[in-house]
Amino acid sequence: MALVLGITGGIATGKSTVLGMLARLGALTLSADEIAREVLAKGGPAYRQVVERFGPAVVDPEAQIARSVLATVIFDDHKAREDLNRITHPHIIRSMKAHIDRFRASPPCPEAVLAVEIPLLIECGLEEMVDQVLLVAAEQDVQVGRLTNRSGVSREEALRRIASQMPMAAKIERADRVICNDGSMENLERKVRSFWRETCSA
């Protein structure tokens, strides 16, 4: 039976890495972040509202929304983050649901797997959109180290970004399966392969 797998987790826990590993094992993939880019692109369904709400400071010289600038704005302002979510989430969710419905209506084979990366899957109450929720978790110190290394932010800023999200413990309680990504890439790949054998190849 075809399976829709929801991949979620916290910032810098390795969600996209796990999605890529599942793709190499044979899963079809879909990313909420990719859909968000389409939604925010010039001419996209949320473009005008976002520019009206946040002003020309979030628009780059090519008249596209500068997502890095927008991210800085919303991390500093809870109300701004809520406003952005209110504008973009209905479009993103509608598009994801359409992709998932098409997959369920006509999967490429009976055992097909569609892995969908949705960072706010639990926060937005989208568990019913998928068949299983796979949470990619990591200890806070590991998240901080990854954020400071990859984004160049301070430890204080990394902690602030992590604190702005739902606590990991709360997400773990609502997930069907959890993969802890605190070690090496090789260790993570072993865990993902084991999950694939148990869940997706049964």
C-alpha atoms as a PDB file:
ATOM      1  CA  MET A   1       0.000   0.000   0.000  1.00  0.00           C
ATOM      2  CA  ALA A   2       1.346   3.444  -0.924  1.00  0.00           C
ATOM      3  CA  LEU A   3       2.615   5.442   2.058  1.00  0.00           C
ATOM      4  CA  VAL A   4       2.748   9.185   2.711  1.00  0.00           C
ATOM      5  CA  LEU A   5       5.496   9.886   5.229  1.00  0.00           C
ATOM      6  CA  GLY A   6       5.667  13.268   6.969  1.00  0.00           C
ATOM      7  CA  ILE A   7       9.225  14.335   7.867  1.00  0.00           C
ATOM      8  CA  THR A   8       9.489  16.990  10.567  1.00  0.00           C
ATOM      9  CA  GLY A   9      11.763  18.171  13.354  1.00  0.00           C
ATOM     10  CA  GLY A  10      13.410  21.252  14.789  1.00  0.00           C
ATOM     11  CA  ILE A  11      15.831  23.735  13.281  1.00  0.00           C
ATOM     12  CA  ALA A  12      19.176  22.139  12.383  1.00  0.00           C
ATOM     13  CA  THR A  13      18.102  18.602  13.265  1.00  0.00           C
ATOM     14  CA  GLY A  14      18.697  17.222   9.752  1.00  0.00           C
ATOM     15  CA  LYS A  15      15.232  17.037   8.192  1.00  0.00           C
ATOM     16  CA  SER A  16      16.427  17.778   4.659  1.00  0.00           C
ATOM     17  CA  THR A  17      19.336  15.359   5.042  1.00  0.00           C
ATOM     18  CA  VAL A  18      16.947  12.567   6.004  1.00  0.00           C
ATOM     19  CA  LEU A  19      14.676  13.482   3.094  1.00  0.00           C
ATOM     20  CA  GLY A  20      17.628  13.163   0.719  1.00  0.00           C
ATOM     21  CA  MET A  21      18.565   9.772   2.157  1.00  0.00           C
ATOM     22  CA  LEU A  22      14.996   8.531   1.724  1.00  0.00           C
ATOM     23  CA  ALA A  23      15.055   9.746  -1.877  1.00  0.00           C
ATOM     24  CA  ARG A  24      18.178   7.671  -2.544  1.00  0.00           C
ATOM     25  CA  LEU A  25      16.416   4.644  -1.049  1.00  0.00           C
ATOM     26  CA  GLY A  26      13.553   5.067  -3.525  1.00  0.00           C
ATOM     27  CA  ALA A  27      11.068   7.487  -1.991  1.00  0.00           C
ATOM     28  CA  LEU A  28       9.415  10.231  -3.977  1.00  0.00           C
ATOM     29  CA  THR A  29       9.957  13.519  -2.155  1.00  0.00           C
ATOM     30  CA  LEU A  30       8.214  16.825  -1.611  1.00  0.00           C
ATOM     31  CA  SER A  31       9.406  19.768   0.466  1.00  0.00           C
ATOM     32  CA  ALA A  32       7.241  22.440   2.060  1.00  0.00           C
ATOM     33  CA  ASP A  33      10.204  24.788   1.698  1.00  0.00           C
ATOM     34  CA  GLU A  34      10.227  24.291  -2.081  1.00  0.00           C
ATOM     35  CA  ILE A  35       6.512  25.032  -2.201  1.00  0.00           C
ATOM     36  CA  ALA A  36       7.057  28.115  -0.018  1.00  0.00           C
ATOM     37  CA  ARG A  37       9.566  29.407  -2.573  1.00  0.00           C
ATOM     38  CA  GLU A  38       6.943  29.063  -5.294  1.00  0.00           C
ATOM     39  CA  VAL A  39       4.311  30.755  -3.129  1.00  0.00           C
ATOM     40  CA  LEU A  40       6.630  33.700  -2.359  1.00  0.00           C
ATOM     41  CA  ALA A  41       8.061  34.053  -5.868  1.00  0.00           C
ATOM     42  CA  LYS A  42       7.162  37.126  -7.891  1.00  0.00           C
ATOM     43  CA  GLY A  43       3.725  36.412  -9.304  1.00  0.00           C
ATOM     44  CA  GLY A  44       3.104  33.725  -6.698  1.00  0.00           C
ATOM     45  CA  PRO A  45      -0.120  33.683  -4.674  1.00  0.00           C
ATOM     46  CA  ALA A  46       1.416  35.231  -1.514  1.00  0.00           C
ATOM     47  CA  TYR A  47       3.865  37.685  -3.108  1.00  0.00           C
ATOM     48  CA  ARG A  48       1.708  40.807  -3.111  1.00  0.00           C
ATOM     49  CA  GLN A  49       0.398  40.343   0.434  1.00  0.00           C
ATOM     50  CA  VAL A  50       3.884  39.742   1.835  1.00  0.00           C
ATOM     51  CA  VAL A  51       5.296  42.851   0.152  1.00  0.00           C
ATOM     52  CA  GLU A  52       2.346  44.901   1.375  1.00  0.00           C
ATOM     53  CA  ARG A  53       2.802  43.628   4.941  1.00  0.00           C
ATOM     54  CA  PHE A  54       6.607  43.810   5.216  1.00  0.00           C
ATOM     55  CA  GLY A  55       7.465  46.585   2.782  1.00  0.00           C
ATOM     56  CA  PRO A  56      10.173  47.090   0.123  1.00  0.00           C
ATOM     57  CA  ALA A  57      12.973  46.191   2.564  1.00  0.00           C
ATOM     58  CA  VAL A  58      12.245  42.475   1.967  1.00  0.00           C
ATOM     59  CA  VAL A  59      12.432  42.805  -1.844  1.00  0.00           C
ATOM     60  CA  ASP A  60      15.769  42.281  -3.632  1.00  0.00           C
ATOM     61  CA  PRO A  61      16.996  44.150  -6.768  1.00  0.00           C
ATOM     62  CA  GLU A  62      15.334  41.528  -9.011  1.00  0.00           C
ATOM     63  CA  ALA A  63      11.976  42.281  -7.335  1.00  0.00           C
ATOM     64  CA  GLN A  64      11.985  38.874  -5.651  1.00  0.00           C
ATOM     65  CA  ILE A  65      11.334  38.481  -1.933  1.00  0.00           C
ATOM     66  CA  ALA A  66      14.663  38.154  -0.106  1.00  0.00           C
ATOM     67  CA  ARG A  67      13.883  35.194   2.117  1.00  0.00           C
ATOM     68  CA  SER A  68      16.991  35.679   4.273  1.00  0.00           C
ATOM     69  CA  VAL A  69      15.906  39.248   5.079  1.00  0.00           C
ATOM     70  CA  LEU A  70      12.357  38.097   5.753  1.00  0.00           C
ATOM     71  CA  ALA A  71      13.655  35.354   8.057  1.00  0.00           C
ATOM     72  CA  THR A  72      15.577  37.913  10.122  1.00  0.00           C
ATOM     73  CA  VAL A  73      12.476  40.077  10.445  1.00  0.00           C
ATOM     74  CA  ILE A  74      10.219  37.297  11.668  1.00  0.00           C
ATOM     75  CA  PHE A  75      12.765  35.881  14.130  1.00  0.00           C
ATOM     76  CA  ASP A  76      12.862  39.264  15.820  1.00  0.00           C
ATOM     77  CA  ASP A  77       9.107  39.809  15.889  1.00  0.00           C
ATOM     78  CA  HIS A  78       6.534  37.246  17.030  1.00  0.00           C
ATOM     79  CA  LYS A  79       3.654  39.221  15.517  1.00  0.00           C
ATOM     80  CA  ALA A  80       5.477  39.437  12.181  1.00  0.00           C
ATOM     81  CA  ARG A  81       6.001  35.665  12.200  1.00  0.00           C
ATOM     82  CA  GLU A  82       2.309  35.117  12.856  1.00  0.00           C
ATOM     83  CA  ASP A  83       1.406  37.486  10.019  1.00  0.00           C
ATOM     84  CA  LEU A  84       3.714  35.719   7.571  1.00  0.00           C
ATOM     85  CA  ASN A  85       2.307  32.329   8.540  1.00  0.00           C
ATOM     86  CA  ARG A  86      -1.250  33.619   8.176  1.00  0.00           C
ATOM     87  CA  ILE A  87      -0.486  34.824   4.641  1.00  0.00           C
ATOM     88  CA  THR A  88       1.573  31.897   3.362  1.00  0.00           C
ATOM     89  CA  HIS A  89       0.406  28.774   5.176  1.00  0.00           C
ATOM     90  CA  PRO A  90      -2.996  28.399   3.466  1.00  0.00           C
ATOM     91  CA  HIS A  91      -1.312  28.478   0.038  1.00  0.00           C
ATOM     92  CA  ILE A  92       1.470  26.082   1.079  1.00  0.00           C
ATOM     93  CA  ILE A  93      -0.931  23.624   2.724  1.00  0.00           C
ATOM     94  CA  ARG A  94      -3.302  23.714  -0.249  1.00  0.00           C
ATOM     95  CA  SER A  95      -0.469  22.928  -2.662  1.00  0.00           C
ATOM     96  CA  MET A  96       0.934  20.128  -0.482  1.00  0.00           C
ATOM     97  CA  LYS A  97      -2.491  18.560  -0.124  1.00  0.00           C
ATOM     98  CA  ALA A  98      -2.960  18.645  -3.899  1.00  0.00           C
ATOM     99  CA  HIS A  99       0.396  16.880  -4.420  1.00  0.00           C
ATOM    100  CA  ILE A 100      -0.457  14.253  -1.793  1.00  0.00           C
ATOM    101  CA  ASP A 101      -3.956  13.682  -3.187  1.00  0.00           C
ATOM    102  CA  ARG A 102      -2.534  13.124  -6.672  1.00  0.00           C
ATOM    103  CA  PHE A 103      -0.010  10.637  -5.276  1.00  0.00           C
ATOM    104  CA  ARG A 104      -2.681   8.721  -3.369  1.00  0.00           C
ATOM    105  CA  ALA A 105      -5.015   8.667  -6.368  1.00  0.00           C
ATOM    106  CA  SER A 106      -2.351   7.380  -8.730  1.00  0.00           C
ATOM    107  CA  PRO A 107       0.812   6.062  -7.021  1.00  0.00           C
ATOM    108  CA  PRO A 108       3.530   4.831  -9.406  1.00  0.00           C
ATOM    109  CA  CYS A 109       3.341   1.401  -7.744  1.00  0.00           C
ATOM    110  CA  PRO A 110       1.433  -0.138  -4.807  1.00  0.00           C
ATOM    111  CA  GLU A 111       4.503   0.092  -2.516  1.00  0.00           C
ATOM    112  CA  ALA A 112       5.398   3.679  -3.430  1.00  0.00           C
ATOM    113  CA  VAL A 113       6.489   6.079  -0.682  1.00  0.00           C
ATOM    114  CA  LEU A 114       6.048   9.844  -0.782  1.00  0.00           C
ATOM    115  CA  ALA A 115       8.237  11.537   1.844  1.00  0.00           C
ATOM    116  CA  VAL A 116       7.059  15.079   2.578  1.00  0.00           C
ATOM    117  CA  GLU A 117       9.281  17.440   4.580  1.00  0.00           C
ATOM    118  CA  ILE A 118       7.049  19.758   6.638  1.00  0.00           C
ATOM    119  CA  PRO A 119       8.956  21.643   9.380  1.00  0.00           C
ATOM    120  CA  LEU A 120       5.726  22.830  11.065  1.00  0.00           C
ATOM    121  CA  LEU A 121       3.724  19.646  10.497  1.00  0.00           C
ATOM    122  CA  ILE A 122       2.908  19.177  14.190  1.00  0.00           C
ATOM    123  CA  GLU A 123       2.566  22.876  15.016  1.00  0.00           C
ATOM    124  CA  CYS A 124       0.012  23.307  12.226  1.00  0.00           C
ATOM    125  CA  GLY A 125      -1.883  20.133  13.149  1.00  0.00           C
ATOM    126  CA  LEU A 126      -1.263  18.474   9.790  1.00  0.00           C
ATOM    127  CA  GLU A 127      -0.735  14.936  11.079  1.00  0.00           C
ATOM    128  CA  GLU A 128      -3.903  13.717   9.348  1.00  0.00           C
ATOM    129  CA  MET A 129      -2.462  14.784   5.986  1.00  0.00           C
ATOM    130  CA  VAL A 130       0.164  12.006   6.213  1.00  0.00           C
ATOM    131  CA  ASP A 131       0.113   8.322   7.148  1.00  0.00           C
ATOM    132  CA  GLN A 132       3.079   8.441   9.519  1.00  0.00           C
ATOM    133  CA  VAL A 133       5.044  11.234  11.206  1.00  0.00           C
ATOM    134  CA  LEU A 134       8.821  10.742  11.309  1.00  0.00           C
ATOM    135  CA  LEU A 135      10.494  13.223  13.650  1.00  0.00           C
ATOM    136  CA  VAL A 136      14.187  14.007  13.173  1.00  0.00           C
ATOM    137  CA  ALA A 137      15.437  15.058  16.614  1.00  0.00           C
ATOM    138  CA  ALA A 138      18.720  16.310  18.049  1.00  0.00           C
ATOM    139  CA  GLU A 139      20.016  17.514  21.390  1.00  0.00           C
ATOM    140  CA  GLN A 140      19.965  21.288  21.814  1.00  0.00           C
ATOM    141  CA  ASP A 141      23.770  21.571  21.977  1.00  0.00           C
ATOM    142  CA  VAL A 142      24.004  19.743  18.662  1.00  0.00           C
ATOM    143  CA  GLN A 143      21.451  22.105  17.097  1.00  0.00           C
ATOM    144  CA  VAL A 144      23.400  25.109  18.398  1.00  0.00           C
ATOM    145  CA  GLY A 145      26.669  23.779  16.994  1.00  0.00           C
ATOM    146  CA  ARG A 146      25.153  23.211  13.572  1.00  0.00           C
ATOM    147  CA  LEU A 147      23.529  26.636  13.482  1.00  0.00           C
ATOM    148  CA  THR A 148      26.684  28.480  14.496  1.00  0.00           C
ATOM    149  CA  ASN A 149      28.752  26.530  11.973  1.00  0.00           C
ATOM    150  CA  ARG A 150      26.453  26.713   8.974  1.00  0.00           C
ATOM    151  CA  SER A 151      24.838  30.113   9.499  1.00  0.00           C
ATOM    152  CA  GLY A 152      27.562  31.992  11.341  1.00  0.00           C
ATOM    153  CA  VAL A 153      25.164  33.142  14.067  1.00  0.00           C
ATOM    154  CA  SER A 154      26.203  33.555  17.686  1.00  0.00           C
ATOM    155  CA  ARG A 155      25.389  30.943  20.304  1.00  0.00           C
ATOM    156  CA  GLU A 156      22.878  33.374  21.817  1.00  0.00           C
ATOM    157  CA  GLU A 157      21.130  33.846  18.466  1.00  0.00           C
ATOM    158  CA  ALA A 158      21.084  30.083  17.857  1.00  0.00           C
ATOM    159  CA  LEU A 159      19.485  29.506  21.261  1.00  0.00           C
ATOM    160  CA  ARG A 160      16.932  32.214  20.552  1.00  0.00           C
ATOM    161  CA  ARG A 161      15.952  30.604  17.252  1.00  0.00           C
ATOM    162  CA  ILE A 162      15.591  27.193  18.885  1.00  0.00           C
ATOM    163  CA  ALA A 163      13.533  28.685  21.736  1.00  0.00           C
ATOM    164  CA  SER A 164      11.125  30.218  19.204  1.00  0.00           C
ATOM    165  CA  GLN A 165      10.049  26.715  18.132  1.00  0.00           C
ATOM    166  CA  MET A 166       7.880  24.071  19.755  1.00  0.00           C
ATOM    167  CA  PRO A 167       9.936  22.140  22.367  1.00  0.00           C
ATOM    168  CA  MET A 168      11.439  18.940  20.994  1.00  0.00           C
ATOM    169  CA  ALA A 169       9.930  16.874  23.822  1.00  0.00           C
ATOM    170  CA  ALA A 170       6.441  17.990  22.821  1.00  0.00           C
ATOM    171  CA  LYS A 171       7.065  16.977  19.216  1.00  0.00           C
ATOM    172  CA  ILE A 172       8.428  13.576  20.244  1.00  0.00           C
ATOM    173  CA  GLU A 173       5.176  12.832  22.092  1.00  0.00           C
ATOM    174  CA  ARG A 174       3.174  13.342  18.888  1.00  0.00           C
ATOM    175  CA  ALA A 175       5.442  11.548  16.406  1.00  0.00           C
ATOM    176  CA  ASP A 176       4.971   7.972  15.203  1.00  0.00           C
ATOM    177  CA  ARG A 177       8.703   7.383  14.836  1.00  0.00           C
ATOM    178  CA  VAL A 178      11.781   9.321  15.966  1.00  0.00           C
ATOM    179  CA  ILE A 179      15.286   9.317  14.507  1.00  0.00           C
ATOM    180  CA  CYS A 180      17.899  10.950  16.756  1.00  0.00           C
ATOM    181  CA  ASN A 181      20.515  12.734  14.674  1.00  0.00           C
ATOM    182  CA  ASP A 182      23.213  13.520  17.225  1.00  0.00           C
ATOM    183  CA  GLY A 183      26.084  11.582  15.686  1.00  0.00           C
ATOM    184  CA  SER A 184      27.899  11.171  12.390  1.00  0.00           C
ATOM    185  CA  MET A 185      26.401  11.148   8.910  1.00  0.00           C
ATOM    186  CA  GLU A 186      27.198   7.442   8.680  1.00  0.00           C
ATOM    187  CA  ASN A 187      25.299   6.788  11.901  1.00  0.00           C
ATOM    188  CA  LEU A 188      22.299   8.744  10.615  1.00  0.00           C
ATOM    189  CA  GLU A 189      22.322   6.831   7.348  1.00  0.00           C
ATOM    190  CA  ARG A 190      22.270   3.514   9.209  1.00  0.00           C
ATOM    191  CA  LYS A 191      19.243   4.685  11.185  1.00  0.00           C
ATOM    192  CA  VAL A 192      17.426   5.843   8.053  1.00  0.00           C
ATOM    193  CA  ARG A 193      18.152   2.561   6.248  1.00  0.00           C
ATOM    194  CA  SER A 194      16.864   0.609   9.253  1.00  0.00           C
ATOM    195  CA  PHE A 195      13.700   2.737   9.335  1.00  0.00           C
ATOM    196  CA  TRP A 196      13.217   2.188   5.585  1.00  0.00           C
ATOM    197  CA  ARG A 197      13.501  -1.580   5.923  1.00  0.00           C
ATOM    198  CA  GLU A 198      11.092  -1.712   8.860  1.00  0.00           C
ATOM    199  CA  THR A 199       8.497   0.740   7.603  1.00  0.00           C
ATOM    200  CA  CYS A 200       8.748   1.302   3.873  1.00  0.00           C
ATOM    201  CA  SER A 201       9.856  -2.104   2.604  1.00  0.00           C
ATOM    202  CA  ALA A 202       7.613  -4.277   4.778  1.00  0.00           C
END
